[in-house]
PDB file of all heavy atoms in Angstrom:
ATOM      1  N   LEU A   1       0.860  -1.170   0.000  1.00  0.00           N
ATOM      2  CA  LEU A   1       0.000   0.000   0.000  1.00  0.00           C
ATOM      3  C   LEU A   1       0.902   1.227   0.000  1.00  0.00           C
ATOM      4  O   LEU A   1       1.514   1.551   1.021  1.00  0.00           O
ATOM      5  CB  LEU A   1      -0.930   0.024   1.215  1.00  0.00           C
ATOM      6  CG  LEU A   1      -1.929   1.178   1.239  1.00  0.00           C
ATOM      7  CD1 LEU A   1      -2.954   1.013   0.115  1.00  0.00           C
ATOM      8  CD2 LEU A   1      -2.639   1.256   2.595  1.00  0.00           C
ATOM      9  N   GLN A   2       1.013   1.871  -1.152  1.00  0.00           N
ATOM     10  CA  GLN A   2       1.787   3.098  -1.269  1.00  0.00           C
ATOM     11  C   GLN A   2       0.897   4.263  -0.871  1.00  0.00           C
ATOM     12  O   GLN A   2      -0.157   4.464  -1.471  1.00  0.00           O
ATOM     13  CB  GLN A   2       2.288   3.284  -2.702  1.00  0.00           C
ATOM     14  CG  GLN A   2       3.065   4.573  -2.933  1.00  0.00           C
ATOM     15  CD  GLN A   2       4.383   4.599  -2.204  1.00  0.00           C
ATOM     16  OE1 GLN A   2       5.126   3.620  -2.232  1.00  0.00           O
ATOM     17  NE2 GLN A   2       4.679   5.704  -1.538  1.00  0.00           N
ATOM     18  N   MET A   3       1.314   5.021   0.127  1.00  0.00           N
ATOM     19  CA  MET A   3       0.526   6.124   0.645  1.00  0.00           C
ATOM     20  C   MET A   3       1.276   7.430   0.419  1.00  0.00           C
ATOM     21  O   MET A   3       2.358   7.628   0.961  1.00  0.00           O
ATOM     22  CB  MET A   3       0.230   5.930   2.135  1.00  0.00           C
ATOM     23  CG  MET A   3      -0.417   4.589   2.460  1.00  0.00           C
ATOM     24  SD  MET A   3      -0.893   4.441   4.202  1.00  0.00           S
ATOM     25  CE  MET A   3       0.725   4.485   4.970  1.00  0.00           C
ATOM     26  N   ASN A   4       0.702   8.303  -0.382  1.00  0.00           N
ATOM     27  CA  ASN A   4       1.288   9.605  -0.678  1.00  0.00           C
ATOM     28  C   ASN A   4       0.392  10.717  -0.164  1.00  0.00           C
ATOM     29  O   ASN A   4      -0.780  10.507   0.125  1.00  0.00           O
ATOM     30  CB  ASN A   4       1.486   9.768  -2.186  1.00  0.00           C
ATOM     31  CG  ASN A   4       2.421   8.746  -2.785  1.00  0.00           C
ATOM     32  OD1 ASN A   4       3.397   8.332  -2.153  1.00  0.00           O
ATOM     33  ND2 ASN A   4       2.149   8.339  -4.023  1.00  0.00           N
ATOM     34  N   SER A   5       0.958  11.913  -0.073  1.00  0.00           N
ATOM     35  CA  SER A   5       0.211  13.088   0.381  1.00  0.00           C
ATOM     36  C   SER A   5      -0.552  12.802   1.666  1.00  0.00           C
ATOM     37  O   SER A   5      -1.739  13.111   1.792  1.00  0.00           O
ATOM     38  CB  SER A   5      -0.753  13.549  -0.720  1.00  0.00           C
ATOM     39  OG  SER A   5      -0.057  13.857  -1.912  1.00  0.00           O
ATOM     40  N   LEU A   6       0.130  12.223   2.623  1.00  0.00           N
ATOM     41  CA  LEU A   6      -0.515  11.813   3.868  1.00  0.00           C
ATOM     42  C   LEU A   6      -1.049  13.001   4.660  1.00  0.00           C
ATOM     43  O   LEU A   6      -0.441  14.072   4.687  1.00  0.00           O
ATOM     44  CB  LEU A   6       0.460  11.015   4.721  1.00  0.00           C
ATOM     45  CG  LEU A   6       0.688   9.580   4.241  1.00  0.00           C
ATOM     46  CD1 LEU A   6       1.942   8.993   4.862  1.00  0.00           C
ATOM     47  CD2 LEU A   6      -0.530   8.722   4.581  1.00  0.00           C
ATOM     48  N   LYS A   7      -2.192  12.775   5.292  1.00  0.00           N
ATOM     49  CA  LYS A   7      -2.860  13.775   6.107  1.00  0.00           C
ATOM     50  C   LYS A   7      -2.959  13.275   7.540  1.00  0.00           C
ATOM     51  O   LYS A   7      -2.867  12.079   7.797  1.00  0.00           O
ATOM     52  CB  LYS A   7      -4.267  14.047   5.566  1.00  0.00           C
ATOM     53  CG  LYS A   7      -4.334  14.411   4.095  1.00  0.00           C
ATOM     54  CD  LYS A   7      -5.777  14.501   3.637  1.00  0.00           C
ATOM     55  CE  LYS A   7      -5.871  14.843   2.169  1.00  0.00           C
ATOM     56  NZ  LYS A   7      -7.285  14.903   1.711  1.00  0.00           N
ATOM     57  N   SER A   8      -3.195  14.186   8.469  1.00  0.00           N
ATOM     58  CA  SER A   8      -3.310  13.798   9.867  1.00  0.00           C
ATOM     59  C   SER A   8      -4.446  12.796  10.078  1.00  0.00           C
ATOM     60  O   SER A   8      -4.344  11.911  10.933  1.00  0.00           O
ATOM     61  CB  SER A   8      -3.523  15.017  10.760  1.00  0.00           C
ATOM     62  OG  SER A   8      -4.693  15.722  10.397  1.00  0.00           O
ATOM     63  N   GLU A   9      -5.507  12.905   9.301  1.00  0.00           N
ATOM     64  CA  GLU A   9      -6.628  11.992   9.436  1.00  0.00           C
ATOM     65  C   GLU A   9      -6.331  10.580   8.945  1.00  0.00           C
ATOM     66  O   GLU A   9      -7.157   9.676   9.109  1.00  0.00           O
ATOM     67  CB  GLU A   9      -7.879  12.537   8.730  1.00  0.00           C
ATOM     68  CG  GLU A   9      -7.628  12.954   7.303  1.00  0.00           C
ATOM     69  CD  GLU A   9      -7.422  14.453   7.163  1.00  0.00           C
ATOM     70  OE1 GLU A   9      -6.636  15.007   7.954  1.00  0.00           O
ATOM     71  OE2 GLU A   9      -8.054  15.057   6.282  1.00  0.00           O
ATOM     72  N   ASP A  10      -5.153  10.374   8.336  1.00  0.00           N
ATOM     73  CA  ASP A  10      -4.738   9.036   7.933  1.00  0.00           C
ATOM     74  C   ASP A  10      -4.110   8.271   9.094  1.00  0.00           C
ATOM     75  O   ASP A  10      -3.812   7.086   8.961  1.00  0.00           O
ATOM     76  CB  ASP A  10      -3.735   9.107   6.782  1.00  0.00           C
ATOM     77  CG  ASP A  10      -4.345   9.659   5.507  1.00  0.00           C
ATOM     78  OD1 ASP A  10      -5.486   9.288   5.177  1.00  0.00           O
ATOM     79  OD2 ASP A  10      -3.663  10.466   4.833  1.00  0.00           O
ATOM     80  N   THR A  11      -3.891   8.942  10.213  1.00  0.00           N
ATOM     81  CA  THR A  11      -3.301   8.303  11.384  1.00  0.00           C
ATOM     82  C   THR A  11      -4.194   7.172  11.871  1.00  0.00           C
ATOM     83  O   THR A  11      -5.368   7.375  12.162  1.00  0.00           O
ATOM     84  CB  THR A  11      -3.088   9.322  12.510  1.00  0.00           C
ATOM     85  OG1 THR A  11      -2.117  10.292  12.100  1.00  0.00           O
ATOM     86  CG2 THR A  11      -2.591   8.634  13.777  1.00  0.00           C
ATOM     87  N   ALA A  12      -3.639   5.969  11.958  1.00  0.00           N
ATOM     88  CA  ALA A  12      -4.396   4.790  12.357  1.00  0.00           C
ATOM     89  C   ALA A  12      -3.481   3.575  12.371  1.00  0.00           C
ATOM     90  O   ALA A  12      -2.341   3.640  11.914  1.00  0.00           O
ATOM     91  CB  ALA A  12      -5.558   4.542  11.385  1.00  0.00           C
ATOM     92  N   ILE A  13      -3.997   2.478  12.893  1.00  0.00           N
ATOM     93  CA  ILE A  13      -3.330   1.198  12.727  1.00  0.00           C
ATOM     94  C   ILE A  13      -3.850   0.610  11.424  1.00  0.00           C
ATOM     95  O   ILE A  13      -5.064   0.534  11.220  1.00  0.00           O
ATOM     96  CB  ILE A  13      -3.624   0.234  13.891  1.00  0.00           C
ATOM     97  CG1 ILE A  13      -3.118   0.816  15.207  1.00  0.00           C
ATOM     98  CG2 ILE A  13      -2.968  -1.116  13.638  1.00  0.00           C
ATOM     99  CD1 ILE A  13      -3.466  -0.018  16.420  1.00  0.00           C
ATOM    100  N   TYR A  14      -2.945   0.204  10.555  1.00  0.00           N
ATOM    101  CA  TYR A  14      -3.317  -0.344   9.260  1.00  0.00           C
ATOM    102  C   TYR A  14      -3.178  -1.862   9.273  1.00  0.00           C
ATOM    103  O   TYR A  14      -2.152  -2.398   9.695  1.00  0.00           O
ATOM    104  CB  TYR A  14      -2.454   0.254   8.155  1.00  0.00           C
ATOM    105  CG  TYR A  14      -2.875   1.656   7.788  1.00  0.00           C
ATOM    106  CD1 TYR A  14      -2.650   2.713   8.659  1.00  0.00           C
ATOM    107  CD2 TYR A  14      -3.517   1.915   6.577  1.00  0.00           C
ATOM    108  CE1 TYR A  14      -3.066   4.000   8.342  1.00  0.00           C
ATOM    109  CE2 TYR A  14      -3.921   3.194   6.247  1.00  0.00           C
ATOM    110  CZ  TYR A  14      -3.702   4.232   7.127  1.00  0.00           C
ATOM    111  OH  TYR A  14      -4.108   5.510   6.799  1.00  0.00           O
ATOM    112  N   TYR A  15      -4.208  -2.531   8.799  1.00  0.00           N
ATOM    113  CA  TYR A  15      -4.252  -3.985   8.769  1.00  0.00           C
ATOM    114  C   TYR A  15      -4.403  -4.496   7.348  1.00  0.00           C
ATOM    115  O   TYR A  15      -5.132  -3.916   6.551  1.00  0.00           O
ATOM    116  CB  TYR A  15      -5.448  -4.512   9.568  1.00  0.00           C
ATOM    117  CG  TYR A  15      -5.483  -4.129  11.021  1.00  0.00           C
ATOM    118  CD1 TYR A  15      -6.099  -2.951  11.432  1.00  0.00           C
ATOM    119  CD2 TYR A  15      -4.923  -4.962  11.984  1.00  0.00           C
ATOM    120  CE1 TYR A  15      -6.145  -2.602  12.768  1.00  0.00           C
ATOM    121  CE2 TYR A  15      -4.973  -4.626  13.321  1.00  0.00           C
ATOM    122  CZ  TYR A  15      -5.584  -3.446  13.712  1.00  0.00           C
ATOM    123  OH  TYR A  15      -5.637  -3.105  15.038  1.00  0.00           O
ATOM    124  N   CYS A  16      -3.751  -5.605   7.037  1.00  0.00           N
ATOM    125  CA  CYS A  16      -4.046  -6.291   5.791  1.00  0.00           C
ATOM    126  C   CYS A  16      -4.881  -7.517   6.127  1.00  0.00           C
ATOM    127  O   CYS A  16      -4.840  -8.036   7.243  1.00  0.00           O
ATOM    128  CB  CYS A  16      -2.776  -6.690   5.022  1.00  0.00           C
ATOM    129  SG  CYS A  16      -1.738  -7.944   5.801  1.00  0.00           S
ATOM    130  N   ALA A  17      -5.664  -7.971   5.165  1.00  0.00           N
ATOM    131  CA  ALA A  17      -6.567  -9.086   5.394  1.00  0.00           C
ATOM    132  C   ALA A  17      -6.785  -9.869   4.106  1.00  0.00           C
ATOM    133  O   ALA A  17      -6.721  -9.309   3.012  1.00  0.00           O
ATOM    134  CB  ALA A  17      -7.911  -8.581   5.929  1.00  0.00           C
ATOM    135  N   ARG A  18      -7.049 -11.159   4.252  1.00  0.00           N
ATOM    136  CA  ARG A  18      -7.336 -12.022   3.109  1.00  0.00           C
ATOM    137  C   ARG A  18      -8.829 -12.242   2.996  1.00  0.00           C
ATOM    138  O   ARG A  18      -9.484 -12.593   3.980  1.00  0.00           O
ATOM    139  CB  ARG A  18      -6.635 -13.360   3.256  1.00  0.00           C
ATOM    140  CG  ARG A  18      -6.548 -14.146   1.952  1.00  0.00           C
ATOM    141  CD  ARG A  18      -6.557 -15.638   2.193  1.00  0.00           C
ATOM    142  NE  ARG A  18      -7.899 -16.128   2.461  1.00  0.00           N
ATOM    143  CZ  ARG A  18      -8.209 -17.405   2.665  1.00  0.00           C
ATOM    144  NH1 ARG A  18      -7.249 -18.325   2.656  1.00  0.00           N
ATOM    145  NH2 ARG A  18      -9.459 -17.767   2.898  1.00  0.00           N
ATOM    146  N   GLY A  19      -9.354 -12.053   1.809  1.00  0.00           N
ATOM    147  CA  GLY A  19     -10.762 -12.257   1.579  1.00  0.00           C
ATOM    148  C   GLY A  19     -11.137 -13.722   1.535  1.00  0.00           C
ATOM    149  O   GLY A  19     -10.284 -14.599   1.415  1.00  0.00           O
ATOM    150  N   LYS A  20     -12.436 -13.989   1.615  1.00  0.00           N
ATOM    151  CA  LYS A  20     -12.913 -15.362   1.537  1.00  0.00           C
ATOM    152  C   LYS A  20     -13.093 -15.821   0.091  1.00  0.00           C
ATOM    153  O   LYS A  20     -13.332 -16.994  -0.167  1.00  0.00           O
ATOM    154  CB  LYS A  20     -14.230 -15.519   2.300  1.00  0.00           C
ATOM    155  CG  LYS A  20     -15.378 -14.705   1.757  1.00  0.00           C
ATOM    156  CD  LYS A  20     -16.682 -15.065   2.455  1.00  0.00           C
ATOM    157  CE  LYS A  20     -16.641 -14.711   3.931  1.00  0.00           C
ATOM    158  NZ  LYS A  20     -17.953 -14.995   4.589  1.00  0.00           N
ATOM    159  N   SER A  21     -12.961 -14.880  -0.850  1.00  0.00           N
ATOM    160  CA  SER A  21     -13.070 -15.202  -2.263  1.00  0.00           C
ATOM    161  C   SER A  21     -12.095 -14.344  -3.049  1.00  0.00           C
ATOM    162  O   SER A  21     -11.329 -13.570  -2.480  1.00  0.00           O
ATOM    163  CB  SER A  21     -14.503 -14.976  -2.760  1.00  0.00           C
ATOM    164  OG  SER A  21     -14.762 -13.599  -2.930  1.00  0.00           O
ATOM    165  N   GLY A  22     -12.129 -14.470  -4.352  1.00  0.00           N
ATOM    166  CA  GLY A  22     -11.263 -13.664  -5.190  1.00  0.00           C
ATOM    167  C   GLY A  22     -11.894 -12.366  -5.652  1.00  0.00           C
ATOM    168  O   GLY A  22     -11.281 -11.623  -6.425  1.00  0.00           O
ATOM    169  N   ASP A  23     -13.084 -12.068  -5.170  1.00  0.00           N
ATOM    170  CA  ASP A  23     -13.821 -10.880  -5.596  1.00  0.00           C
ATOM    171  C   ASP A  23     -13.441  -9.641  -4.797  1.00  0.00           C
ATOM    172  O   ASP A  23     -13.117  -9.711  -3.612  1.00  0.00           O
ATOM    173  CB  ASP A  23     -15.324 -11.110  -5.452  1.00  0.00           C
ATOM    174  CG  ASP A  23     -15.818 -12.282  -6.271  1.00  0.00           C
ATOM    175  OD1 ASP A  23     -15.272 -12.516  -7.372  1.00  0.00           O
ATOM    176  OD2 ASP A  23     -16.748 -12.973  -5.821  1.00  0.00           O
ATOM    177  N   LEU A  24     -13.524  -8.490  -5.452  1.00  0.00           N
ATOM    178  CA  LEU A  24     -13.319  -7.220  -4.770  1.00  0.00           C
ATOM    179  C   LEU A  24     -14.402  -7.021  -3.728  1.00  0.00           C
ATOM    180  O   LEU A  24     -15.574  -7.295  -3.974  1.00  0.00           O
ATOM    181  CB  LEU A  24     -13.370  -6.064  -5.762  1.00  0.00           C
ATOM    182  CG  LEU A  24     -12.193  -5.890  -6.717  1.00  0.00           C
ATOM    183  CD1 LEU A  24     -12.524  -4.817  -7.743  1.00  0.00           C
ATOM    184  CD2 LEU A  24     -10.932  -5.522  -5.952  1.00  0.00           C
ATOM    185  N   SER A  25     -14.023  -6.518  -2.551  1.00  0.00           N
ATOM    186  CA  SER A  25     -14.991  -6.259  -1.502  1.00  0.00           C
ATOM    187  C   SER A  25     -14.455  -5.234  -0.517  1.00  0.00           C
ATOM    188  O   SER A  25     -13.271  -5.243  -0.181  1.00  0.00           O
ATOM    189  CB  SER A  25     -15.355  -7.533  -0.749  1.00  0.00           C
ATOM    190  OG  SER A  25     -16.285  -7.267   0.289  1.00  0.00           O
ATOM    191  N   SER A  26     -15.336  -4.353  -0.061  1.00  0.00           N
ATOM    192  CA  SER A  26     -15.011  -3.375   0.962  1.00  0.00           C
ATOM    193  C   SER A  26     -15.654  -3.729   2.299  1.00  0.00           C
ATOM    194  O   SER A  26     -15.585  -2.954   3.249  1.00  0.00           O
ATOM    195  CB  SER A  26     -15.474  -1.980   0.526  1.00  0.00           C
ATOM    196  OG  SER A  26     -16.877  -1.945   0.346  1.00  0.00           O
ATOM    197  N   GLU A  27     -16.255  -4.904   2.375  1.00  0.00           N
ATOM    198  CA  GLU A  27     -16.988  -5.326   3.561  1.00  0.00           C
ATOM    199  C   GLU A  27     -16.111  -6.123   4.516  1.00  0.00           C
ATOM    200  O   GLU A  27     -15.467  -7.094   4.122  1.00  0.00           O
ATOM    201  CB  GLU A  27     -18.199  -6.164   3.167  1.00  0.00           C
ATOM    202  CG  GLU A  27     -19.182  -5.448   2.260  1.00  0.00           C
ATOM    203  CD  GLU A  27     -19.862  -4.296   2.956  1.00  0.00           C
ATOM    204  OE1 GLU A  27     -20.009  -4.360   4.194  1.00  0.00           O
ATOM    205  OE2 GLU A  27     -20.244  -3.336   2.269  1.00  0.00           O
ATOM    206  N   LEU A  28     -16.105  -5.731   5.778  1.00  0.00           N
ATOM    207  CA  LEU A  28     -15.316  -6.414   6.810  1.00  0.00           C
ATOM    208  C   LEU A  28     -15.610  -7.906   6.872  1.00  0.00           C
ATOM    209  O   LEU A  28     -14.692  -8.716   7.017  1.00  0.00           O
ATOM    210  CB  LEU A  28     -15.591  -5.796   8.180  1.00  0.00           C
ATOM    211  CG  LEU A  28     -14.822  -4.543   8.566  1.00  0.00           C
ATOM    212  CD1 LEU A  28     -15.431  -3.947   9.828  1.00  0.00           C
ATOM    213  CD2 LEU A  28     -13.351  -4.859   8.786  1.00  0.00           C
ATOM    214  N   LEU A  29     -16.870  -8.270   6.755  1.00  0.00           N
ATOM    215  CA  LEU A  29     -17.275  -9.660   6.915  1.00  0.00           C
ATOM    216  C   LEU A  29     -16.814 -10.557   5.775  1.00  0.00           C
ATOM    217  O   LEU A  29     -16.905 -11.779   5.888  1.00  0.00           O
ATOM    218  CB  LEU A  29     -18.795  -9.752   7.066  1.00  0.00           C
ATOM    219  CG  LEU A  29     -19.369  -9.145   8.342  1.00  0.00           C
ATOM    220  CD1 LEU A  29     -20.884  -9.281   8.349  1.00  0.00           C
ATOM    221  CD2 LEU A  29     -18.771  -9.821   9.569  1.00  0.00           C
ATOM    222  N   GLN A  30     -16.317  -9.979   4.690  1.00  0.00           N
ATOM    223  CA  GLN A  30     -15.825 -10.771   3.570  1.00  0.00           C
ATOM    224  C   GLN A  30     -14.349 -11.132   3.720  1.00  0.00           C
ATOM    225  O   GLN A  30     -13.785 -11.770   2.833  1.00  0.00           O
ATOM    226  CB  GLN A  30     -16.046 -10.025   2.257  1.00  0.00           C
ATOM    227  CG  GLN A  30     -17.510  -9.759   1.939  1.00  0.00           C
ATOM    228  CD  GLN A  30     -18.339 -11.028   1.946  1.00  0.00           C
ATOM    229  OE1 GLN A  30     -17.986 -12.020   1.291  1.00  0.00           O
ATOM    230  NE2 GLN A  30     -19.432 -11.025   2.691  1.00  0.00           N
ATOM    231  N   TYR A  31     -13.735 -10.752   4.827  1.00  0.00           N
ATOM    232  CA  TYR A  31     -12.332 -11.056   5.080  1.00  0.00           C
ATOM    233  C   TYR A  31     -12.217 -11.974   6.289  1.00  0.00           C
ATOM    234  O   TYR A  31     -12.852 -11.742   7.322  1.00  0.00           O
ATOM    235  CB  TYR A  31     -11.534  -9.767   5.282  1.00  0.00           C
ATOM    236  CG  TYR A  31     -11.487  -8.951   4.025  1.00  0.00           C
ATOM    237  CD1 TYR A  31     -12.503  -8.057   3.718  1.00  0.00           C
ATOM    238  CD2 TYR A  31     -10.439  -9.104   3.118  1.00  0.00           C
ATOM    239  CE1 TYR A  31     -12.487  -7.331   2.535  1.00  0.00           C
ATOM    240  CE2 TYR A  31     -10.411  -8.382   1.938  1.00  0.00           C
ATOM    241  CZ  TYR A  31     -11.435  -7.498   1.653  1.00  0.00           C
ATOM    242  OH  TYR A  31     -11.406  -6.785   0.470  1.00  0.00           O
ATOM    243  N   VAL A  32     -11.391 -13.013   6.167  1.00  0.00           N
ATOM    244  CA  VAL A  32     -11.355 -14.056   7.193  1.00  0.00           C
ATOM    245  C   VAL A  32     -10.020 -14.191   7.924  1.00  0.00           C
ATOM    246  O   VAL A  32      -9.968 -14.801   8.991  1.00  0.00           O
ATOM    247  CB  VAL A  32     -11.737 -15.421   6.579  1.00  0.00           C
ATOM    248  CG1 VAL A  32     -13.189 -15.397   6.114  1.00  0.00           C
ATOM    249  CG2 VAL A  32     -10.825 -15.770   5.412  1.00  0.00           C
ATOM    250  N   TYR A  33      -8.943 -13.663   7.368  1.00  0.00           N
ATOM    251  CA  TYR A  33      -7.645 -13.697   8.029  1.00  0.00           C
ATOM    252  C   TYR A  33      -7.082 -12.291   8.102  1.00  0.00           C
ATOM    253  O   TYR A  33      -7.152 -11.530   7.130  1.00  0.00           O
ATOM    254  CB  TYR A  33      -6.668 -14.614   7.290  1.00  0.00           C
ATOM    255  CG  TYR A  33      -7.077 -16.065   7.287  1.00  0.00           C
ATOM    256  CD1 TYR A  33      -7.651 -16.648   6.159  1.00  0.00           C
ATOM    257  CD2 TYR A  33      -6.895 -16.853   8.418  1.00  0.00           C
ATOM    258  CE1 TYR A  33      -8.027 -17.977   6.157  1.00  0.00           C
ATOM    259  CE2 TYR A  33      -7.276 -18.182   8.425  1.00  0.00           C
ATOM    260  CZ  TYR A  33      -7.840 -18.740   7.292  1.00  0.00           C
ATOM    261  OH  TYR A  33      -8.216 -20.066   7.297  1.00  0.00           O
ATOM    262  N   TRP A  34      -6.492 -11.963   9.260  1.00  0.00           N
ATOM    263  CA  TRP A  34      -6.004 -10.606   9.510  1.00  0.00           C
ATOM    264  C   TRP A  34      -4.592 -10.605  10.073  1.00  0.00           C
ATOM    265  O   TRP A  34      -4.220 -11.492  10.833  1.00  0.00           O
ATOM    266  CB  TRP A  34      -6.916  -9.883  10.506  1.00  0.00           C
ATOM    267  CG  TRP A  34      -8.301  -9.684  10.006  1.00  0.00           C
ATOM    268  CD1 TRP A  34      -9.312 -10.588   9.983  1.00  0.00           C
ATOM    269  CD2 TRP A  34      -8.827  -8.480   9.432  1.00  0.00           C
ATOM    270  NE1 TRP A  34     -10.444 -10.039   9.434  1.00  0.00           N
ATOM    271  CE2 TRP A  34     -10.177  -8.744   9.090  1.00  0.00           C
ATOM    272  CE3 TRP A  34      -8.299  -7.222   9.182  1.00  0.00           C
ATOM    273  CZ2 TRP A  34     -10.997  -7.783   8.507  1.00  0.00           C
ATOM    274  CZ3 TRP A  34      -9.111  -6.263   8.603  1.00  0.00           C
ATOM    275  CH2 TRP A  34     -10.439  -6.551   8.276  1.00  0.00           C
ATOM    276  N   GLY A  35      -3.819  -9.581   9.697  1.00  0.00           N
ATOM    277  CA  GLY A  35      -2.514  -9.386  10.281  1.00  0.00           C
ATOM    278  C   GLY A  35      -2.642  -8.657  11.604  1.00  0.00           C
ATOM    279  O   GLY A  35      -3.740  -8.301  12.038  1.00  0.00           O
ATOM    280  N   GLN A  36      -1.514  -8.415  12.263  1.00  0.00           N
ATOM    281  CA  GLN A  36      -1.512  -7.754  13.563  1.00  0.00           C
ATOM    282  C   GLN A  36      -1.551  -6.233  13.466  1.00  0.00           C
ATOM    283  O   GLN A  36      -1.809  -5.554  14.452  1.00  0.00           O
ATOM    284  CB  GLN A  36      -0.285  -8.183  14.370  1.00  0.00           C
ATOM    285  CG  GLN A  36      -0.312  -9.653  14.776  1.00  0.00           C
ATOM    286  CD  GLN A  36      -1.502  -9.970  15.648  1.00  0.00           C
ATOM    287  OE1 GLN A  36      -1.696  -9.353  16.696  1.00  0.00           O
ATOM    288  NE2 GLN A  36      -2.319 -10.932  15.213  1.00  0.00           N
ATOM    289  N   GLY A  37      -1.293  -5.696  12.293  1.00  0.00           N
ATOM    290  CA  GLY A  37      -1.371  -4.266  12.085  1.00  0.00           C
ATOM    291  C   GLY A  37      -0.041  -3.545  12.226  1.00  0.00           C
ATOM    292  O   GLY A  37       0.882  -4.031  12.877  1.00  0.00           O
ATOM    293  N   THR A  38       0.062  -2.392  11.599  1.00  0.00           N
ATOM    294  CA  THR A  38       1.238  -1.540  11.708  1.00  0.00           C
ATOM    295  C   THR A  38       0.774  -0.101  11.890  1.00  0.00           C
ATOM    296  O   THR A  38      -0.152   0.356  11.217  1.00  0.00           O
ATOM    297  CB  THR A  38       2.147  -1.693  10.466  1.00  0.00           C
ATOM    298  OG1 THR A  38       3.342  -0.927  10.645  1.00  0.00           O
ATOM    299  CG2 THR A  38       1.447  -1.248   9.188  1.00  0.00           C
TER     300      THR A  38
END
């Protein structure tokens, strides 16, 4: 995830996750495995 022109509102813990399928999705419930965050 390349992040440019960062703003203060971008401050957060960022997590990557694996979906349950190969389809694009923005829904939390469609992801089943999660990293610990950075």
